[in-house]
Amino acid sequence: MTLIQLKYLLGVVDNGLNITAAADRLYTSQPGISKQLRQLEQEVGVQIFSRKGKSLVAITPAGSTIVAYARKILRDVDNIRSVGQDLMAEQEGTLSIATTSTQARYVLPDVISQFHERYPNVNLELHQGSSEQIAALVAEGRVDFAIATDSQSLFPELNLLPCFHWDRIVLTKKDHPLATSQHELSLAALAEHPLITYVFSSNRESSFLRAFAEQQLQPNVVFTARDADVIKTYVRMGMGVGVIAPMAILCEDLEDLHATCARGMFPTVTTWIGMPRDRALRRYMLDFIALFAPNWPRDFIELATTANSQQVVDELAKKVDLPTRSGCEQGISIAA
């Protein structure tokens, strides 16, 4: 017997024995509720509901007793949770985050500024690294949250909330042939020039390289770095054409650089925030997630952070409209 079975039981009872309505209210599936109810009946050894076909038509006398006990159990659980919520309401503590340099430099400053204003006594620790380095910090239990782009397979122990999408930007000097060409930018055109981009993962396929491979092209990558500022520096030196995240483009960069949105040339990617599945989060931690992922309703965030599988989070995410992030939008052209 599990708490989720009791929760589903009361959900069905409180929705007039309508499993479909209960499923909608509990953000789960009708077959999932039916399966859990049958397992509960098998375990207690009695029928809780009278059925007509697949429909529930009444609560049996034994079922009424079980429902009463279920309400008491879940009330007691709520009381236990209230003790935890007292801790969650604390205004002091530490929040440790592992993320990439692009997120740390261009996305998180506004979020952290708002968070620090709300929680001035919470100490923030920011660790920067590659996806593999972030995964290692997670595995060692050294961070509360991880923030990265794609790479989901590296984080099986986390619940990952997708936060926003973005498309790569192609960056050149203003007098570069790609900047002055009258033809639309393409992967074939990029493959003719030396390229500078982010460091590739050592143990998984890069979507950057896959985009070229699908068109049977071989990119000439001459330099890679984890920091977008480093990439911009070497583009300015004339070492090659940069391919970076749009959040890293500042309006002052466009004074001497030319930027083109590569939407459609490369796959759109998604940035997410992840937290360990088995860790109770304090209130200020939930508030940080809400600041970083403002498109997620608060009740969805709480459901996602306590979900026992990524599948539950993915189902919630289908109901959330995620924004597409960019950087300076003045003067950036479109590839196609």
C-alpha atoms as a PDB file:
ATOM      1  CA  MET A   1       0.000   0.000   0.000  1.00  0.00           C
ATOM      2  CA  THR A   2       1.352   3.406  -0.934  1.00  0.00           C
ATOM      3  CA  LEU A   3       0.443   7.027  -0.265  1.00  0.00           C
ATOM      4  CA  ILE A   4      -0.111   7.580  -3.974  1.00  0.00           C
ATOM      5  CA  GLN A   5      -2.746   4.821  -3.964  1.00  0.00           C
ATOM      6  CA  LEU A   6      -4.550   6.516  -1.072  1.00  0.00           C
ATOM      7  CA  LYS A   7      -4.245   9.889  -2.810  1.00  0.00           C
ATOM      8  CA  TYR A   8      -5.769   8.454  -5.992  1.00  0.00           C
ATOM      9  CA  LEU A   9      -8.507   6.758  -3.955  1.00  0.00           C
ATOM     10  CA  LEU A  10      -9.586  10.033  -2.369  1.00  0.00           C
ATOM     11  CA  GLY A  11      -9.227  11.834  -5.684  1.00  0.00           C
ATOM     12  CA  VAL A  12     -11.731   9.468  -7.272  1.00  0.00           C
ATOM     13  CA  VAL A  13     -14.128   9.697  -4.321  1.00  0.00           C
ATOM     14  CA  ASP A  14     -13.943  13.492  -4.223  1.00  0.00           C
ATOM     15  CA  ASN A  15     -14.636  13.698  -7.964  1.00  0.00           C
ATOM     16  CA  GLY A  16     -17.880  11.736  -7.842  1.00  0.00           C
ATOM     17  CA  LEU A  17     -16.237   8.406  -8.779  1.00  0.00           C
ATOM     18  CA  ASN A  18     -15.221   9.950 -12.117  1.00  0.00           C
ATOM     19  CA  ILE A  19     -11.750   8.597 -12.864  1.00  0.00           C
ATOM     20  CA  THR A  20     -11.222  10.918 -15.824  1.00  0.00           C
ATOM     21  CA  ALA A  21     -11.940  14.006 -13.710  1.00  0.00           C
ATOM     22  CA  ALA A  22      -9.694  12.690 -10.937  1.00  0.00           C
ATOM     23  CA  ALA A  23      -6.881  12.086 -13.426  1.00  0.00           C
ATOM     24  CA  ASP A  24      -7.128  15.666 -14.701  1.00  0.00           C
ATOM     25  CA  ARG A  25      -7.125  17.054 -11.162  1.00  0.00           C
ATOM     26  CA  LEU A  26      -4.133  14.924 -10.132  1.00  0.00           C
ATOM     27  CA  TYR A  27      -2.170  15.496 -13.374  1.00  0.00           C
ATOM     28  CA  THR A  28      -1.946  11.799 -14.151  1.00  0.00           C
ATOM     29  CA  SER A  29      -3.564   9.295 -16.499  1.00  0.00           C
ATOM     30  CA  GLN A  30      -6.860   7.448 -16.199  1.00  0.00           C
ATOM     31  CA  PRO A  31      -5.220   4.003 -16.734  1.00  0.00           C
ATOM     32  CA  GLY A  32      -2.666   4.856 -14.056  1.00  0.00           C
ATOM     33  CA  ILE A  33      -5.361   5.574 -11.478  1.00  0.00           C
ATOM     34  CA  SER A  34      -7.347   2.449 -12.411  1.00  0.00           C
ATOM     35  CA  LYS A  35      -4.258   0.286 -12.061  1.00  0.00           C
ATOM     36  CA  GLN A  36      -3.377   1.720  -8.643  1.00  0.00           C
ATOM     37  CA  LEU A  37      -6.952   1.256  -7.363  1.00  0.00           C
ATOM     38  CA  ARG A  38      -7.046  -2.387  -8.452  1.00  0.00           C
ATOM     39  CA  GLN A  39      -3.689  -3.009  -6.768  1.00  0.00           C
ATOM     40  CA  LEU A  40      -5.025  -1.421  -3.583  1.00  0.00           C
ATOM     41  CA  GLU A  41      -8.134  -3.619  -3.667  1.00  0.00           C
ATOM     42  CA  GLN A  42      -5.997  -6.708  -4.205  1.00  0.00           C
ATOM     43  CA  GLU A  43      -3.794  -5.816  -1.247  1.00  0.00           C
ATOM     44  CA  VAL A  44      -6.635  -5.137   1.214  1.00  0.00           C
ATOM     45  CA  GLY A  45      -8.576  -8.129  -0.115  1.00  0.00           C
ATOM     46  CA  VAL A  46     -11.962  -6.414  -0.570  1.00  0.00           C
ATOM     47  CA  GLN A  47     -13.746  -4.427  -3.240  1.00  0.00           C
ATOM     48  CA  ILE A  48     -13.724  -0.715  -2.508  1.00  0.00           C
ATOM     49  CA  PHE A  49     -16.024   0.154  -5.397  1.00  0.00           C
ATOM     50  CA  SER A  50     -19.000  -1.427  -7.105  1.00  0.00           C
ATOM     51  CA  ARG A  51     -18.496  -1.423 -10.859  1.00  0.00           C
ATOM     52  CA  LYS A  52     -20.611  -1.544 -13.977  1.00  0.00           C
ATOM     53  CA  GLY A  53     -18.325  -2.374 -16.834  1.00  0.00           C
ATOM     54  CA  LYS A  54     -15.348  -0.048 -16.510  1.00  0.00           C
ATOM     55  CA  SER A  55     -17.305   2.583 -14.582  1.00  0.00           C
ATOM     56  CA  LEU A  56     -17.406   3.008 -10.795  1.00  0.00           C
ATOM     57  CA  VAL A  57     -20.993   3.264  -9.596  1.00  0.00           C
ATOM     58  CA  ALA A  58     -20.787   3.176  -5.787  1.00  0.00           C
ATOM     59  CA  ILE A  59     -18.551   2.788  -2.755  1.00  0.00           C
ATOM     60  CA  THR A  60     -18.966  -0.540  -0.967  1.00  0.00           C
ATOM     61  CA  PRO A  61     -19.502  -0.627   2.828  1.00  0.00           C
ATOM     62  CA  ALA A  62     -15.948  -1.910   3.271  1.00  0.00           C
ATOM     63  CA  GLY A  63     -14.793   0.791   0.886  1.00  0.00           C
ATOM     64  CA  SER A  64     -16.364   3.496   3.047  1.00  0.00           C
ATOM     65  CA  THR A  65     -14.303   2.331   6.017  1.00  0.00           C
ATOM     66  CA  ILE A  66     -11.130   2.275   3.938  1.00  0.00           C
ATOM     67  CA  VAL A  67     -11.835   5.785   2.610  1.00  0.00           C
ATOM     68  CA  ALA A  68     -12.224   7.073   6.172  1.00  0.00           C
ATOM     69  CA  TYR A  69      -8.886   5.559   7.188  1.00  0.00           C
ATOM     70  CA  ALA A  70      -7.265   6.942   4.024  1.00  0.00           C
ATOM     71  CA  ARG A  71      -8.412  10.470   4.915  1.00  0.00           C
ATOM     72  CA  LYS A  72      -6.943  10.136   8.404  1.00  0.00           C
ATOM     73  CA  ILE A  73      -3.636   8.797   7.065  1.00  0.00           C
ATOM     74  CA  LEU A  74      -3.263  11.612   4.546  1.00  0.00           C
ATOM     75  CA  ARG A  75      -4.179  14.202   7.200  1.00  0.00           C
ATOM     76  CA  ASP A  76      -1.393  12.807   9.379  1.00  0.00           C
ATOM     77  CA  VAL A  77       0.971  12.958   6.414  1.00  0.00           C
ATOM     78  CA  ASP A  78       0.042  16.622   5.924  1.00  0.00           C
ATOM     79  CA  ASN A  79       0.849  17.254   9.584  1.00  0.00           C
ATOM     80  CA  ILE A  80       4.265  15.661   9.111  1.00  0.00           C
ATOM     81  CA  ARG A  81       4.825  17.777   6.032  1.00  0.00           C
ATOM     82  CA  SER A  82       3.943  20.912   7.964  1.00  0.00           C
ATOM     83  CA  VAL A  83       6.961  20.238  10.187  1.00  0.00           C
ATOM     84  CA  GLY A  84       9.103  20.171   7.065  1.00  0.00           C
ATOM     85  CA  GLN A  85       7.471  23.317   5.760  1.00  0.00           C
ATOM     86  CA  ASP A  86       8.580  25.129   8.896  1.00  0.00           C
ATOM     87  CA  LEU A  87      12.130  24.354   7.820  1.00  0.00           C
ATOM     88  CA  MET A  88      11.350  25.283   4.220  1.00  0.00           C
ATOM     89  CA  ALA A  89      10.272  28.717   5.385  1.00  0.00           C
ATOM     90  CA  GLU A  90      13.719  29.440   6.776  1.00  0.00           C
ATOM     91  CA  GLN A  91      15.353  32.585   5.452  1.00  0.00           C
ATOM     92  CA  GLU A  92      18.926  31.370   5.941  1.00  0.00           C
ATOM     93  CA  GLY A  93      20.945  28.577   4.406  1.00  0.00           C
ATOM     94  CA  THR A  94      23.063  27.726   1.397  1.00  0.00           C
ATOM     95  CA  LEU A  95      22.106  27.190  -2.232  1.00  0.00           C
ATOM     96  CA  SER A  96      24.689  25.453  -4.391  1.00  0.00           C
ATOM     97  CA  ILE A  97      24.287  25.492  -8.176  1.00  0.00           C
ATOM     98  CA  ALA A  98      26.359  23.854 -10.916  1.00  0.00           C
ATOM     99  CA  THR A  99      26.012  25.294 -14.403  1.00  0.00           C
ATOM    100  CA  THR A 100      27.796  26.209 -17.622  1.00  0.00           C
ATOM    101  CA  SER A 101      29.702  29.439 -18.118  1.00  0.00           C
ATOM    102  CA  THR A 102      27.099  30.781 -20.569  1.00  0.00           C
ATOM    103  CA  GLN A 103      24.263  30.367 -18.060  1.00  0.00           C
ATOM    104  CA  ALA A 104      26.408  31.775 -15.245  1.00  0.00           C
ATOM    105  CA  ARG A 105      27.510  34.813 -17.242  1.00  0.00           C
ATOM    106  CA  TYR A 106      24.434  35.717 -19.304  1.00  0.00           C
ATOM    107  CA  VAL A 107      21.279  34.133 -17.803  1.00  0.00           C
ATOM    108  CA  LEU A 108      21.730  33.803 -14.049  1.00  0.00           C
ATOM    109  CA  PRO A 109      22.780  37.357 -13.033  1.00  0.00           C
ATOM    110  CA  ASP A 110      19.217  38.755 -13.179  1.00  0.00           C
ATOM    111  CA  VAL A 111      17.810  35.684 -11.434  1.00  0.00           C
ATOM    112  CA  ILE A 112      20.428  35.736  -8.703  1.00  0.00           C
ATOM    113  CA  SER A 113      19.961  39.477  -8.205  1.00  0.00           C
ATOM    114  CA  GLN A 114      16.233  39.007  -7.590  1.00  0.00           C
ATOM    115  CA  PHE A 115      16.873  35.984  -5.382  1.00  0.00           C
ATOM    116  CA  HIS A 116      19.492  37.782  -3.276  1.00  0.00           C
ATOM    117  CA  GLU A 117      17.154  40.729  -2.760  1.00  0.00           C
ATOM    118  CA  ARG A 118      14.492  38.327  -1.468  1.00  0.00           C
ATOM    119  CA  TYR A 119      16.858  36.111   0.547  1.00  0.00           C
ATOM    120  CA  PRO A 120      19.881  38.221   1.578  1.00  0.00           C
ATOM    121  CA  ASN A 121      20.939  35.675   4.222  1.00  0.00           C
ATOM    122  CA  VAL A 122      21.129  32.695   1.874  1.00  0.00           C
ATOM    123  CA  ASN A 123      24.693  31.964   0.755  1.00  0.00           C
ATOM    124  CA  LEU A 124      25.038  31.165  -2.947  1.00  0.00           C
ATOM    125  CA  GLU A 125      27.683  28.830  -4.368  1.00  0.00           C
ATOM    126  CA  LEU A 126      28.092  28.815  -8.146  1.00  0.00           C
ATOM    127  CA  HIS A 127      30.130  26.041  -9.789  1.00  0.00           C
ATOM    128  CA  GLN A 128      30.920  26.334 -13.507  1.00  0.00           C
ATOM    129  CA  GLY A 129      31.891  23.505 -15.819  1.00  0.00           C
ATOM    130  CA  SER A 130      31.036  21.256 -18.722  1.00  0.00           C
ATOM    131  CA  SER A 131      28.013  18.962 -18.649  1.00  0.00           C
ATOM    132  CA  GLU A 132      30.271  16.098 -17.546  1.00  0.00           C
ATOM    133  CA  GLN A 133      31.759  18.168 -14.737  1.00  0.00           C
ATOM    134  CA  ILE A 134      28.294  19.241 -13.607  1.00  0.00           C
ATOM    135  CA  ALA A 135      27.182  15.589 -13.611  1.00  0.00           C
ATOM    136  CA  ALA A 136      30.176  14.678 -11.442  1.00  0.00           C
ATOM    137  CA  LEU A 137      29.241  17.354  -8.886  1.00  0.00           C
ATOM    138  CA  VAL A 138      25.681  16.014  -8.835  1.00  0.00           C
ATOM    139  CA  ALA A 139      26.902  12.436  -8.349  1.00  0.00           C
ATOM    140  CA  GLU A 140      29.056  13.574  -5.416  1.00  0.00           C
ATOM    141  CA  GLY A 141      26.053  15.295  -3.800  1.00  0.00           C
ATOM    142  CA  ARG A 142      27.847  18.649  -3.782  1.00  0.00           C
ATOM    143  CA  VAL A 143      25.122  20.765  -5.406  1.00  0.00           C
ATOM    144  CA  ASP A 144      21.409  21.401  -4.896  1.00  0.00           C
ATOM    145  CA  PHE A 145      20.633  22.272  -8.531  1.00  0.00           C
ATOM    146  CA  ALA A 146      22.159  21.654 -11.920  1.00  0.00           C
ATOM    147  CA  ILE A 147      21.474  23.967 -14.875  1.00  0.00           C
ATOM    148  CA  ALA A 148      22.555  22.880 -18.347  1.00  0.00           C
ATOM    149  CA  THR A 149      21.440  22.493 -21.948  1.00  0.00           C
ATOM    150  CA  ASP A 150      20.319  19.119 -23.319  1.00  0.00           C
ATOM    151  CA  SER A 151      22.705  16.322 -22.055  1.00  0.00           C
ATOM    152  CA  GLN A 152      19.735  14.789 -20.204  1.00  0.00           C
ATOM    153  CA  SER A 153      21.230  11.295 -20.363  1.00  0.00           C
ATOM    154  CA  LEU A 154      24.030  12.392 -18.008  1.00  0.00           C
ATOM    155  CA  PHE A 155      21.564  13.122 -15.188  1.00  0.00           C
ATOM    156  CA  PRO A 156      19.324  10.065 -14.629  1.00  0.00           C
ATOM    157  CA  GLU A 157      19.066  10.775 -10.884  1.00  0.00           C
ATOM    158  CA  LEU A 158      17.610  14.274 -11.334  1.00  0.00           C
ATOM    159  CA  ASN A 159      14.166  15.618 -12.119  1.00  0.00           C
ATOM    160  CA  LEU A 160      14.783  17.997 -15.037  1.00  0.00           C
ATOM    161  CA  LEU A 161      12.438  20.940 -15.620  1.00  0.00           C
ATOM    162  CA  PRO A 162      12.814  22.360 -19.149  1.00  0.00           C
ATOM    163  CA  CYS A 163      12.963  26.161 -18.847  1.00  0.00           C
ATOM    164  CA  PHE A 164      13.550  27.724 -22.256  1.00  0.00           C
ATOM    165  CA  HIS A 165      14.672  27.005 -25.820  1.00  0.00           C
ATOM    166  CA  TRP A 166      17.359  28.699 -27.891  1.00  0.00           C
ATOM    167  CA  ASP A 167      18.898  28.605 -31.351  1.00  0.00           C
ATOM    168  CA  ARG A 168      22.572  29.071 -32.118  1.00  0.00           C
ATOM    169  CA  ILE A 169      24.058  32.313 -33.444  1.00  0.00           C
ATOM    170  CA  VAL A 170      26.739  32.500 -36.134  1.00  0.00           C
ATOM    171  CA  LEU A 171      29.240  35.247 -35.383  1.00  0.00           C
ATOM    172  CA  THR A 172      31.788  36.834 -37.758  1.00  0.00           C
ATOM    173  CA  LYS A 173      33.765  40.010 -38.217  1.00  0.00           C
ATOM    174  CA  LYS A 174      31.769  42.609 -40.122  1.00  0.00           C
ATOM    175  CA  ASP A 175      34.014  42.393 -43.182  1.00  0.00           C
ATOM    176  CA  HIS A 176      33.893  38.581 -43.309  1.00  0.00           C
ATOM    177  CA  PRO A 177      32.622  37.051 -46.592  1.00  0.00           C
ATOM    178  CA  LEU A 178      29.698  35.404 -44.764  1.00  0.00           C
ATOM    179  CA  ALA A 179      28.637  38.799 -43.394  1.00  0.00           C
ATOM    180  CA  THR A 180      28.804  40.554 -46.749  1.00  0.00           C
ATOM    181  CA  SER A 181      27.402  37.734 -48.906  1.00  0.00           C
ATOM    182  CA  GLN A 182      24.023  38.258 -50.580  1.00  0.00           C
ATOM    183  CA  HIS A 183      23.256  34.528 -50.277  1.00  0.00           C
ATOM    184  CA  GLU A 184      21.408  32.978 -47.346  1.00  0.00           C
ATOM    185  CA  LEU A 185      23.676  31.410 -44.755  1.00  0.00           C
ATOM    186  CA  SER A 186      23.807  27.616 -44.871  1.00  0.00           C
ATOM    187  CA  LEU A 187      25.712  24.737 -43.311  1.00  0.00           C
ATOM    188  CA  ALA A 188      27.457  24.193 -46.635  1.00  0.00           C
ATOM    189  CA  ALA A 189      28.709  27.786 -46.519  1.00  0.00           C
ATOM    190  CA  LEU A 190      29.833  27.383 -42.895  1.00  0.00           C
ATOM    191  CA  ALA A 191      31.733  24.202 -43.761  1.00  0.00           C
ATOM    192  CA  GLU A 192      33.950  26.229 -46.107  1.00  0.00           C
ATOM    193  CA  HIS A 193      35.329  28.327 -43.217  1.00  0.00           C
ATOM    194  CA  PRO A 194      37.272  27.594 -40.010  1.00  0.00           C
ATOM    195  CA  LEU A 195      34.852  27.385 -37.103  1.00  0.00           C
ATOM    196  CA  ILE A 196      35.073  28.271 -33.398  1.00  0.00           C
ATOM    197  CA  THR A 197      32.494  26.886 -30.996  1.00  0.00           C
ATOM    198  CA  TYR A 198      31.900  25.287 -27.614  1.00  0.00           C
ATOM    199  CA  VAL A 199      33.874  22.274 -26.409  1.00  0.00           C
ATOM    200  CA  PHE A 200      32.260  19.034 -27.542  1.00  0.00           C
ATOM    201  CA  SER A 201      31.235  16.354 -25.069  1.00  0.00           C
ATOM    202  CA  SER A 202      33.644  13.426 -24.898  1.00  0.00           C
ATOM    203  CA  ASN A 203      31.037  10.694 -24.521  1.00  0.00           C
ATOM    204  CA  ARG A 204      27.958  11.701 -26.505  1.00  0.00           C
ATOM    205  CA  GLU A 205      27.115  12.874 -29.972  1.00  0.00           C
ATOM    206  CA  SER A 206      27.130  16.629 -30.521  1.00  0.00           C
ATOM    207  CA  SER A 207      24.021  18.120 -32.166  1.00  0.00           C
ATOM    208  CA  PHE A 208      26.404  20.630 -33.770  1.00  0.00           C
ATOM    209  CA  LEU A 209      28.400  17.899 -35.525  1.00  0.00           C
ATOM    210  CA  ARG A 210      25.281  15.851 -36.268  1.00  0.00           C
ATOM    211  CA  ALA A 211      23.744  18.756 -38.213  1.00  0.00           C
ATOM    212  CA  PHE A 212      26.732  18.750 -40.594  1.00  0.00           C
ATOM    213  CA  ALA A 213      26.869  14.953 -40.814  1.00  0.00           C
ATOM    214  CA  GLU A 214      23.213  14.763 -41.852  1.00  0.00           C
ATOM    215  CA  GLN A 215      24.108  16.878 -44.901  1.00  0.00           C
ATOM    216  CA  GLN A 216      27.276  14.860 -45.484  1.00  0.00           C
ATOM    217  CA  LEU A 217      29.448  17.856 -44.635  1.00  0.00           C
ATOM    218  CA  GLN A 218      32.670  17.971 -42.623  1.00  0.00           C
ATOM    219  CA  PRO A 219      33.047  21.125 -40.488  1.00  0.00           C
ATOM    220  CA  ASN A 220      36.522  22.579 -40.016  1.00  0.00           C
ATOM    221  CA  VAL A 221      36.509  23.217 -36.262  1.00  0.00           C
ATOM    222  CA  VAL A 222      39.813  24.916 -35.453  1.00  0.00           C
ATOM    223  CA  PHE A 223      39.180  26.050 -31.887  1.00  0.00           C
ATOM    224  CA  THR A 224      36.804  25.161 -29.046  1.00  0.00           C
ATOM    225  CA  ALA A 225      36.206  26.804 -25.671  1.00  0.00           C
ATOM    226  CA  ARG A 226      33.709  26.587 -22.819  1.00  0.00           C
ATOM    227  CA  ASP A 227      33.396  30.363 -22.485  1.00  0.00           C
ATOM    228  CA  ALA A 228      31.493  32.384 -25.099  1.00  0.00           C
ATOM    229  CA  ASP A 229      33.595  35.463 -24.296  1.00  0.00           C
ATOM    230  CA  VAL A 230      36.704  33.509 -25.281  1.00  0.00           C
ATOM    231  CA  ILE A 231      35.047  32.470 -28.547  1.00  0.00           C
ATOM    232  CA  LYS A 232      34.124  36.092 -29.317  1.00  0.00           C
ATOM    233  CA  THR A 233      37.710  37.147 -28.652  1.00  0.00           C
ATOM    234  CA  TYR A 234      39.078  34.713 -31.236  1.00  0.00           C
ATOM    235  CA  VAL A 235      36.405  35.641 -33.762  1.00  0.00           C
ATOM    236  CA  ARG A 236      37.589  39.261 -33.414  1.00  0.00           C
ATOM    237  CA  MET A 237      41.141  38.048 -34.024  1.00  0.00           C
ATOM    238  CA  GLY A 238      39.971  36.616 -37.351  1.00  0.00           C
ATOM    239  CA  MET A 239      40.738  33.042 -36.353  1.00  0.00           C
ATOM    240  CA  GLY A 240      37.370  31.760 -37.561  1.00  0.00           C
ATOM    241  CA  VAL A 241      33.573  31.919 -37.543  1.00  0.00           C
ATOM    242  CA  GLY A 242      31.957  31.592 -34.120  1.00  0.00           C
ATOM    243  CA  VAL A 243      28.875  29.518 -33.299  1.00  0.00           C
ATOM    244  CA  ILE A 244      27.519  30.337 -29.838  1.00  0.00           C
ATOM    245  CA  ALA A 245      24.368  30.689 -27.748  1.00  0.00           C
ATOM    246  CA  PRO A 246      22.263  33.812 -28.449  1.00  0.00           C
ATOM    247  CA  MET A 247      22.200  34.820 -24.779  1.00  0.00           C
ATOM    248  CA  ALA A 248      25.940  35.547 -25.100  1.00  0.00           C
ATOM    249  CA  ILE A 249      25.368  38.272 -27.706  1.00  0.00           C
ATOM    250  CA  LEU A 250      25.420  41.758 -26.186  1.00  0.00           C
ATOM    251  CA  CYS A 251      24.382  44.837 -28.144  1.00  0.00           C
ATOM    252  CA  GLU A 252      27.906  46.240 -27.840  1.00  0.00           C
ATOM    253  CA  ASP A 253      29.224  43.074 -29.515  1.00  0.00           C
ATOM    254  CA  LEU A 254      27.385  44.089 -32.678  1.00  0.00           C
ATOM    255  CA  GLU A 255      29.414  47.279 -32.963  1.00  0.00           C
ATOM    256  CA  ASP A 256      32.263  45.263 -34.511  1.00  0.00           C
ATOM    257  CA  LEU A 257      30.750  41.804 -35.099  1.00  0.00           C
ATOM    258  CA  HIS A 258      28.031  40.477 -37.391  1.00  0.00           C
ATOM    259  CA  ALA A 259      25.520  37.979 -35.956  1.00  0.00           C
ATOM    260  CA  THR A 260      23.101  35.687 -37.785  1.00  0.00           C
ATOM    261  CA  CYS A 261      20.447  33.549 -36.116  1.00  0.00           C
ATOM    262  CA  ALA A 262      20.985  29.954 -37.290  1.00  0.00           C
ATOM    263  CA  ARG A 263      17.441  28.803 -36.572  1.00  0.00           C
ATOM    264  CA  GLY A 264      16.704  25.825 -38.823  1.00  0.00           C
ATOM    265  CA  MET A 265      20.369  25.139 -39.540  1.00  0.00           C
ATOM    266  CA  PHE A 266      21.007  23.462 -36.190  1.00  0.00           C
ATOM    267  CA  PRO A 267      18.542  21.725 -33.849  1.00  0.00           C
ATOM    268  CA  THR A 268      16.841  23.976 -31.319  1.00  0.00           C
ATOM    269  CA  VAL A 269      18.171  23.182 -27.855  1.00  0.00           C
ATOM    270  CA  THR A 270      16.595  23.364 -24.403  1.00  0.00           C
ATOM    271  CA  THR A 271      18.023  24.614 -21.125  1.00  0.00           C
ATOM    272  CA  TRP A 272      16.740  22.920 -17.970  1.00  0.00           C
ATOM    273  CA  ILE A 273      17.128  23.056 -14.203  1.00  0.00           C
ATOM    274  CA  GLY A 274      17.478  19.771 -12.335  1.00  0.00           C
ATOM    275  CA  MET A 275      17.277  18.707  -8.706  1.00  0.00           C
ATOM    276  CA  PRO A 276      17.868  15.363  -6.922  1.00  0.00           C
ATOM    277  CA  ARG A 277      14.731  13.259  -6.798  1.00  0.00           C
ATOM    278  CA  ASP A 278      15.199  12.235  -3.161  1.00  0.00           C
ATOM    279  CA  ARG A 279      15.873  15.636  -1.581  1.00  0.00           C
ATOM    280  CA  ALA A 280      13.321  17.807   0.237  1.00  0.00           C
ATOM    281  CA  LEU A 281      13.593  21.390  -0.975  1.00  0.00           C
ATOM    282  CA  ARG A 282      13.368  24.432   1.249  1.00  0.00           C
ATOM    283  CA  ARG A 283      11.054  27.261   0.354  1.00  0.00           C
ATOM    284  CA  TYR A 284      13.854  29.483  -0.905  1.00  0.00           C
ATOM    285  CA  MET A 285      14.957  26.669  -3.236  1.00  0.00           C
ATOM    286  CA  LEU A 286      11.474  26.456  -4.747  1.00  0.00           C
ATOM    287  CA  ASP A 287      11.472  30.231  -5.112  1.00  0.00           C
ATOM    288  CA  PHE A 288      14.760  30.077  -7.014  1.00  0.00           C
ATOM    289  CA  ILE A 289      13.245  27.583  -9.471  1.00  0.00           C
ATOM    290  CA  ALA A 290      10.238  29.880  -9.915  1.00  0.00           C
ATOM    291  CA  LEU A 291      12.576  32.784 -10.740  1.00  0.00           C
ATOM    292  CA  PHE A 292      14.605  30.756 -13.229  1.00  0.00           C
ATOM    293  CA  ALA A 293      11.556  29.103 -14.827  1.00  0.00           C
ATOM    294  CA  PRO A 294       8.812  31.760 -14.566  1.00  0.00           C
ATOM    295  CA  ASN A 295       6.612  30.025 -17.159  1.00  0.00           C
ATOM    296  CA  TRP A 296       6.099  27.098 -14.799  1.00  0.00           C
ATOM    297  CA  PRO A 297       3.069  27.503 -12.463  1.00  0.00           C
ATOM    298  CA  ARG A 298       4.057  27.193  -8.814  1.00  0.00           C
ATOM    299  CA  ASP A 299       1.904  24.097  -8.230  1.00  0.00           C
ATOM    300  CA  PHE A 300       3.521  22.423 -11.258  1.00  0.00           C
ATOM    301  CA  ILE A 301       6.975  23.186  -9.815  1.00  0.00           C
ATOM    302  CA  GLU A 302       6.065  21.564  -6.506  1.00  0.00           C
ATOM    303  CA  LEU A 303       4.656  18.510  -8.274  1.00  0.00           C
ATOM    304  CA  ALA A 304       7.743  18.230 -10.491  1.00  0.00           C
ATOM    305  CA  THR A 305      10.234  18.516  -7.641  1.00  0.00           C
ATOM    306  CA  THR A 306       8.524  15.723  -5.696  1.00  0.00           C
ATOM    307  CA  ALA A 307       7.867  13.463  -8.708  1.00  0.00           C
ATOM    308  CA  ASN A 308       9.291   9.951  -8.484  1.00  0.00           C
ATOM    309  CA  SER A 309      10.260   9.808 -12.159  1.00  0.00           C
ATOM    310  CA  GLN A 310      11.225  12.048 -15.059  1.00  0.00           C
ATOM    311  CA  GLN A 311       8.170  10.786 -16.929  1.00  0.00           C
ATOM    312  CA  VAL A 312       5.905  12.633 -14.484  1.00  0.00           C
ATOM    313  CA  VAL A 313       7.876  15.855 -15.042  1.00  0.00           C
ATOM    314  CA  ASP A 314       7.686  15.400 -18.819  1.00  0.00           C
ATOM    315  CA  GLU A 315       3.898  15.095 -18.638  1.00  0.00           C
ATOM    316  CA  LEU A 316       3.700  18.334 -16.652  1.00  0.00           C
ATOM    317  CA  ALA A 317       6.055  20.042 -19.114  1.00  0.00           C
ATOM    318  CA  LYS A 318       3.656  19.333 -21.978  1.00  0.00           C
ATOM    319  CA  LYS A 319       1.254  21.799 -20.355  1.00  0.00           C
ATOM    320  CA  VAL A 320       3.866  24.582 -20.028  1.00  0.00           C
ATOM    321  CA  ASP A 321       4.610  27.033 -22.863  1.00  0.00           C
ATOM    322  CA  LEU A 322       8.365  27.549 -22.848  1.00  0.00           C
ATOM    323  CA  PRO A 323       9.872  30.779 -24.195  1.00  0.00           C
ATOM    324  CA  THR A 324      12.686  31.038 -26.722  1.00  0.00           C
ATOM    325  CA  ARG A 325      15.615  33.024 -25.325  1.00  0.00           C
ATOM    326  CA  SER A 326      17.835  35.359 -27.311  1.00  0.00           C
ATOM    327  CA  GLY A 327      20.399  38.052 -26.662  1.00  0.00           C
ATOM    328  CA  CYS A 328      20.555  41.504 -28.206  1.00  0.00           C
ATOM    329  CA  GLU A 329      17.937  41.475 -30.947  1.00  0.00           C
ATOM    330  CA  GLN A 330      19.049  44.648 -32.681  1.00  0.00           C
ATOM    331  CA  GLY A 331      20.872  43.963 -35.928  1.00  0.00           C
ATOM    332  CA  ILE A 332      20.819  40.157 -35.836  1.00  0.00           C
ATOM    333  CA  SER A 333      19.891  38.681 -39.215  1.00  0.00           C
ATOM    334  CA  ILE A 334      18.060  35.407 -39.875  1.00  0.00           C
ATOM    335  CA  ALA A 335      19.774  32.523 -41.667  1.00  0.00           C
ATOM    336  CA  ALA A 336      16.733  31.324 -43.616  1.00  0.00           C
END
